[in-house]
Amino acid sequence: MHRAPTIVDFVNIRWVDEWCKRCNICVEICPKDSLVLTHDAIIEATDCIRCGLCERYCPDLAIEVLPKRDENGRLPAAEQAEEAASAKVKTTPHTPVAARGPAVAGNDPHRGLTDTESASDVDRDNPT
């Protein structure tokens, strides 16, 4: 039987217990020391500036910076889900930017190629 992952929402971050390997990268990279690894869990302390470095550098996609909450403390996604449910409109779930990865970050077909590799008039088989 497959068990759903344990998702913990803090004020500014969401942490997935089963995905986290406790590598401590998010704790070390945080410029404000807002994350703490204690009792085998990542805890959001104070002063998070929502810079996204923890999400960007987590190798397991176990941490996500949440959207800014409204004046009632609710996440925008929760509001949109409630509106969609009441209007019977389907929405797509939020996917962290890190989950999309660098492979889909741009649409340039020559991205990563050198000038000679992307030039169509260069004959790579017969260099002169």
Protein backbone atom coordinates (compact mmCIF):
# COMPACT_ATOMS: atom_id res chain seq x y z
CA MET A 1 0.00 0.00 0.00
CA HIS A 2 1.38 3.38 -1.03
CA ARG A 3 1.25 6.13 1.57
CA ALA A 4 0.88 9.78 0.59
CA PRO A 5 3.86 11.98 1.51
CA THR A 6 3.68 14.09 4.65
CA ILE A 7 3.49 17.74 3.58
CA VAL A 8 4.17 20.40 6.20
CA ASP A 9 3.15 23.99 5.47
CA PHE A 10 4.92 26.71 7.39
CA VAL A 11 4.33 30.44 6.89
CA ASN A 12 6.64 30.81 3.88
CA ILE A 13 7.68 27.28 2.90
CA ARG A 14 6.21 23.84 2.28
CA TRP A 15 8.34 20.85 3.25
CA VAL A 16 7.78 17.20 2.18
CA ASP A 17 9.13 14.84 4.84
CA GLU A 18 9.48 11.70 2.71
CA TRP A 19 11.30 13.49 -0.12
CA CYS A 20 13.86 15.17 2.14
CA LYS A 21 17.13 13.28 2.68
CA ARG A 22 18.29 15.75 5.37
CA CYS A 23 21.31 16.87 3.35
CA ASN A 24 21.17 20.29 5.06
CA ILE A 25 21.71 22.22 1.79
CA CYS A 26 18.65 24.40 2.36
CA VAL A 27 19.79 25.25 5.89
CA GLU A 28 23.30 26.15 4.73
CA ILE A 29 22.25 28.23 1.71
CA CYS A 30 19.62 30.34 3.49
CA PRO A 31 21.01 33.89 3.67
CA LYS A 32 18.90 34.74 6.74
CA ASP A 33 19.43 31.44 8.63
CA SER A 34 15.67 30.98 8.59
CA LEU A 35 15.75 27.18 8.29
CA VAL A 36 16.79 24.75 10.98
CA LEU A 37 17.25 20.97 10.82
CA THR A 38 16.12 19.69 14.20
CA HIS A 39 14.56 16.46 15.45
CA ASP A 40 14.93 15.00 11.95
CA ALA A 41 12.80 17.75 10.38
CA ILE A 42 13.28 21.05 8.59
CA ILE A 43 11.71 23.88 10.56
CA GLU A 44 11.13 27.43 9.33
CA ALA A 45 12.40 29.80 12.01
CA THR A 46 12.04 33.55 11.54
CA ASP A 47 13.04 36.29 9.09
CA CYS A 48 12.42 34.32 5.86
CA ILE A 49 12.68 36.74 2.94
CA ARG A 50 11.22 34.21 0.45
CA CYS A 51 14.33 34.42 -1.79
CA GLY A 52 13.79 30.87 -3.09
CA LEU A 53 17.37 29.64 -2.70
CA CYS A 54 16.26 26.69 -0.55
CA GLU A 55 13.78 25.59 -3.24
CA ARG A 56 16.27 26.14 -6.06
CA TYR A 57 19.09 24.14 -4.49
CA CYS A 58 17.13 21.27 -2.92
CA PRO A 59 18.20 18.17 -4.87
CA ASP A 60 15.02 16.30 -3.87
CA LEU A 61 12.39 19.01 -4.51
CA ALA A 62 11.42 18.59 -0.86
CA ILE A 63 11.07 22.29 -0.12
CA GLU A 64 8.98 24.93 -1.84
CA VAL A 65 8.58 28.65 -1.21
CA LEU A 66 4.88 29.34 -0.88
CA PRO A 67 3.13 32.29 -2.51
CA LYS A 68 2.57 35.30 -0.28
CA ARG A 69 -0.48 34.87 1.93
CA ASP A 70 -3.38 37.32 1.89
CA GLU A 71 -4.47 39.48 4.83
CA ASN A 72 -6.44 36.52 6.25
CA GLY A 73 -3.37 34.27 6.21
CA ARG A 74 -4.65 32.11 3.35
CA LEU A 75 -2.56 31.00 0.39
CA PRO A 76 -3.68 32.20 -3.06
CA ALA A 77 -3.88 28.61 -4.31
CA ALA A 78 -6.40 27.79 -1.56
CA GLU A 79 -8.53 30.77 -2.56
CA GLN A 80 -8.39 29.80 -6.23
CA ALA A 81 -9.30 26.21 -5.37
CA GLU A 82 -12.34 27.35 -3.39
CA GLU A 83 -13.44 29.66 -6.20
CA ALA A 84 -12.93 26.91 -8.76
CA ALA A 85 -14.89 24.41 -6.68
CA SER A 86 -17.77 26.84 -6.28
CA ALA A 87 -17.72 27.71 -9.99
CA LYS A 88 -17.09 24.10 -11.07
CA VAL A 89 -13.97 25.21 -12.98
CA LYS A 90 -10.95 22.94 -13.27
CA THR A 91 -7.54 24.39 -12.39
CA THR A 92 -4.05 22.97 -12.64
CA PRO A 93 -2.14 22.39 -9.41
CA HIS A 94 0.84 24.59 -8.55
CA THR A 95 4.14 23.11 -9.74
CA PRO A 96 7.30 24.48 -8.11
CA VAL A 97 9.64 26.23 -10.53
CA ALA A 98 12.42 23.84 -9.49
CA ALA A 99 10.30 20.88 -10.59
CA ARG A 100 10.13 22.30 -14.10
CA GLY A 101 13.93 22.22 -14.22
CA PRO A 102 16.41 23.99 -16.44
CA ALA A 103 15.57 21.82 -19.45
CA VAL A 104 12.34 23.72 -20.05
CA ALA A 105 13.56 27.13 -18.93
CA GLY A 106 13.90 28.43 -22.50
CA ASN A 107 12.87 27.63 -26.04
CA ASP A 108 16.07 28.42 -27.96
CA PRO A 109 16.91 25.26 -29.98
CA HIS A 110 20.58 26.29 -30.12
CA ARG A 111 20.89 26.89 -26.37
CA GLY A 112 24.16 25.54 -25.04
CA LEU A 113 25.80 25.22 -28.44
CA THR A 114 28.93 27.13 -29.40
CA ASP A 115 28.94 29.58 -32.29
CA THR A 116 30.43 27.06 -34.72
CA GLU A 117 28.03 24.32 -33.66
CA SER A 118 24.99 26.49 -34.26
CA ALA A 119 26.21 27.94 -37.59
CA SER A 120 24.52 26.19 -40.50
CA ASP A 121 27.31 27.00 -42.99
CA VAL A 122 30.04 25.16 -41.03
CA ASP A 123 30.98 21.72 -42.38
CA ARG A 124 32.02 19.80 -39.28
CA ASP A 125 32.94 16.67 -41.23
CA ASN A 126 35.49 18.41 -43.46
CA PRO A 127 37.35 21.08 -41.53
CA THR A 128 39.54 23.31 -43.68
